[in-house]
Protein backbone atom coordinates (compact mmCIF):
# COMPACT_ATOMS: atom_id res chain seq x y z
CA MET A 1 -30.76 -80.35 153.78
CA ALA A 2 -27.65 -80.61 151.17
CA PHE A 3 -28.21 -81.07 147.62
CA SER A 4 -26.81 -84.33 147.66
CA GLU A 5 -29.34 -85.66 150.34
CA ILE A 6 -32.58 -85.07 148.73
CA GLU A 7 -34.94 -87.74 148.68
CA LEU A 8 -35.29 -88.97 145.01
CA ARG A 9 -36.59 -92.34 144.02
CA THR A 10 -35.43 -94.09 140.91
CA LEU A 11 -37.81 -95.50 138.04
CA SER A 12 -38.18 -99.08 139.82
CA GLY A 13 -39.68 -96.70 143.05
CA GLU A 14 -36.42 -97.38 145.52
CA PRO A 15 -35.77 -93.98 147.49
CA ALA A 16 -32.68 -92.74 145.83
CA THR A 17 -30.29 -89.51 146.29
CA LEU A 18 -27.45 -87.93 144.15
CA GLY A 19 -24.95 -88.63 146.59
CA GLY A 20 -26.01 -92.24 147.06
CA LEU A 21 -24.49 -92.44 143.63
CA GLY A 22 -21.25 -91.32 144.46
CA ALA A 23 -20.39 -89.44 141.34
CA LYS A 24 -17.47 -87.01 141.42
CA ALA A 25 -19.39 -85.26 138.92
CA LEU A 26 -22.90 -85.85 137.76
CA LEU A 27 -24.64 -84.62 134.67
CA VAL A 28 -28.14 -83.83 135.84
CA VAL A 29 -30.87 -84.20 132.60
CA ASN A 30 -34.87 -83.29 132.57
CA VAL A 31 -35.72 -85.92 130.24
CA ALA A 32 -38.79 -87.28 127.65
CA SER A 33 -39.34 -89.78 125.29
CA LYS A 34 -41.41 -87.85 123.12
CA CYS A 35 -39.43 -84.87 121.94
CA GLY A 36 -37.80 -83.98 119.16
CA LEU A 37 -34.35 -83.44 121.37
CA THR A 38 -35.23 -87.31 122.39
CA PRO A 39 -32.04 -88.51 120.22
CA GLN A 40 -29.61 -86.76 122.70
CA TYR A 41 -29.92 -89.90 124.94
CA GLU A 42 -27.32 -91.91 122.23
CA GLY A 43 -24.76 -89.05 123.50
CA LEU A 44 -25.67 -88.90 127.29
CA GLU A 45 -24.84 -92.56 127.23
CA ARG A 46 -21.47 -91.98 125.14
CA LEU A 47 -21.04 -90.11 127.97
CA GLN A 48 -22.07 -91.96 130.44
CA ARG A 49 -19.56 -94.98 129.14
CA ARG A 50 -17.07 -92.77 128.61
CA TYR A 51 -16.11 -91.11 131.82
CA ALA A 52 -18.21 -93.43 134.10
CA GLU A 53 -15.06 -95.31 135.32
CA ARG A 54 -13.50 -91.65 136.25
CA GLY A 55 -16.52 -91.16 138.63
CA PHE A 56 -18.98 -89.69 136.29
CA SER A 57 -22.50 -90.44 135.86
CA VAL A 58 -25.66 -89.17 134.08
CA ALA A 59 -28.29 -89.05 136.05
CA GLY A 60 -31.96 -88.90 134.31
CA PHE A 61 -35.19 -87.12 135.18
CA PRO A 62 -38.50 -87.57 133.22
CA CYS A 63 -40.64 -84.51 132.86
CA ASN A 64 -43.89 -84.71 131.40
CA GLN A 65 -44.43 -80.38 131.89
CA PHE A 66 -43.12 -79.59 128.00
CA MET A 67 -45.96 -80.66 126.14
CA GLY A 68 -46.79 -83.75 127.20
CA GLN A 69 -43.84 -85.37 126.05
CA GLU A 70 -43.24 -87.67 128.77
CA PRO A 71 -46.47 -89.30 129.22
CA GLY A 72 -45.25 -92.87 130.16
CA THR A 73 -45.22 -94.77 133.42
CA SER A 74 -42.46 -95.95 135.26
CA GLU A 75 -41.90 -98.84 133.30
CA GLU A 76 -42.39 -97.71 130.01
CA ILE A 77 -39.86 -95.02 130.38
CA ALA A 78 -37.81 -97.85 131.88
CA GLN A 79 -38.45 -99.88 128.96
CA PHE A 80 -38.11 -97.10 125.67
CA CYS A 81 -34.59 -96.04 127.70
CA SER A 82 -33.36 -99.38 127.10
CA ALA A 83 -35.11 -101.08 124.44
CA THR A 84 -34.12 -97.65 122.38
CA TYR A 85 -30.85 -95.98 123.85
CA GLY A 86 -29.20 -98.64 126.00
CA VAL A 87 -29.26 -96.58 128.77
CA SER A 88 -27.00 -97.42 131.38
CA PHE A 89 -27.01 -94.14 133.49
CA PRO A 90 -29.51 -94.01 137.16
CA MET A 91 -32.75 -92.69 135.64
CA PHE A 92 -35.24 -91.74 138.89
CA GLU A 93 -39.19 -90.93 138.71
CA LYS A 94 -40.89 -88.91 136.76
CA LEU A 95 -41.26 -85.22 138.45
CA GLU A 96 -41.70 -81.49 138.11
CA VAL A 97 -39.29 -79.31 136.95
CA ASN A 98 -41.30 -75.63 136.47
CA GLY A 99 -44.16 -74.13 138.53
CA GLU A 100 -45.49 -74.72 142.01
CA GLY A 101 -44.62 -78.58 142.03
CA ARG A 102 -41.12 -78.01 141.23
CA HIS A 103 -39.14 -80.87 142.68
CA PRO A 104 -36.51 -79.35 145.80
CA LEU A 105 -33.55 -81.12 143.42
CA PHE A 106 -34.99 -78.64 141.03
CA ALA A 107 -35.55 -75.44 143.01
CA GLU A 108 -32.06 -76.13 143.73
CA LEU A 109 -31.08 -75.98 140.31
CA VAL A 110 -32.41 -73.58 138.81
CA ARG A 111 -30.82 -71.26 140.61
CA ALA A 112 -28.09 -71.76 138.53
CA ALA A 113 -26.77 -69.34 135.49
CA ASP A 114 -26.11 -70.95 131.85
CA ALA A 115 -22.87 -69.27 130.34
CA ASP A 116 -24.83 -66.03 129.28
CA GLY A 117 -25.71 -65.46 133.33
CA GLU A 118 -29.36 -66.50 132.81
CA ALA A 119 -30.89 -68.19 135.71
CA GLY A 120 -34.49 -69.61 136.57
CA ASP A 121 -36.72 -71.40 134.76
CA ILE A 122 -36.14 -74.82 132.85
CA GLN A 123 -36.54 -73.85 128.80
CA TRP A 124 -37.20 -77.28 127.88
CA ASN A 125 -36.51 -81.06 127.99
CA PHE A 126 -33.24 -81.92 127.76
CA GLU A 127 -31.90 -78.91 129.76
CA LYS A 128 -28.29 -80.02 131.42
CA PHE A 129 -26.89 -79.29 134.60
CA LEU A 130 -22.97 -80.34 135.76
CA VAL A 131 -22.72 -81.07 139.44
CA SER A 132 -19.80 -81.94 141.55
CA GLY A 133 -19.81 -84.62 144.55
CA ASP A 134 -20.33 -82.30 146.66
CA GLY A 135 -23.54 -80.68 144.98
CA GLU A 136 -21.73 -77.37 143.80
CA VAL A 137 -23.34 -76.56 140.03
CA LEU A 138 -20.31 -76.49 137.98
CA ALA A 139 -22.47 -75.52 134.50
CA ARG A 140 -25.81 -75.20 133.27
CA PHE A 141 -26.14 -76.36 129.50
CA ARG A 142 -29.74 -75.20 127.83
CA PRO A 143 -31.84 -77.79 126.03
CA ARG A 144 -30.10 -77.52 122.63
CA THR A 145 -26.68 -77.96 123.50
CA ASP A 146 -25.69 -81.14 122.24
CA PRO A 147 -23.90 -83.96 125.19
CA GLU A 148 -21.38 -84.45 123.31
CA SER A 149 -19.80 -81.00 122.89
CA ALA A 150 -16.84 -79.83 123.35
CA GLU A 151 -18.27 -77.35 125.71
CA VAL A 152 -19.95 -80.05 127.76
CA ALA A 153 -16.90 -82.50 127.21
CA ASP A 154 -14.30 -79.75 128.61
CA ALA A 155 -16.20 -79.21 132.06
CA ILE A 156 -16.67 -82.88 132.49
CA GLU A 157 -13.25 -83.03 132.41
CA ALA A 158 -12.41 -80.24 134.26
CA ALA A 159 -14.68 -81.48 136.81
CA LEU A 160 -12.97 -84.93 137.18
CA GLY A 161 -9.50 -83.49 137.09
CA ILE A 162 -8.64 -84.87 133.40
């Protein structure tokens, strides 16, 4: 199955795929509501607003595998993201990013190496993958990389041909 056709569900339970977003470039991020890195939602939302008209989208994937930092239901997660951070980018159902229950999307993503050449398991919440519209992983950014860093912005702009 093509990367862009991997079956997903939105936070509201609707079937979806990344290809269905119609983006030229996506920043796929595993997110959590009760993490020290949760304020990264602000930067992710600013990226969404800055580049959406050029064919970019953030895609958020809640995950509760890191110290139980995403314990909420889909409804609670949606309410938190909307009320606290004004999130407008697509959010998907909670899933596993590591281990035996790893979702097929993340099974593909973790094959990509970061800037240091390291692939493998997701380290923590807010690991970011820049993916082209045809499903190629263009860059991998570890959790502490600020979404609005020059490194991330430059990669997004290159992917969009800006």
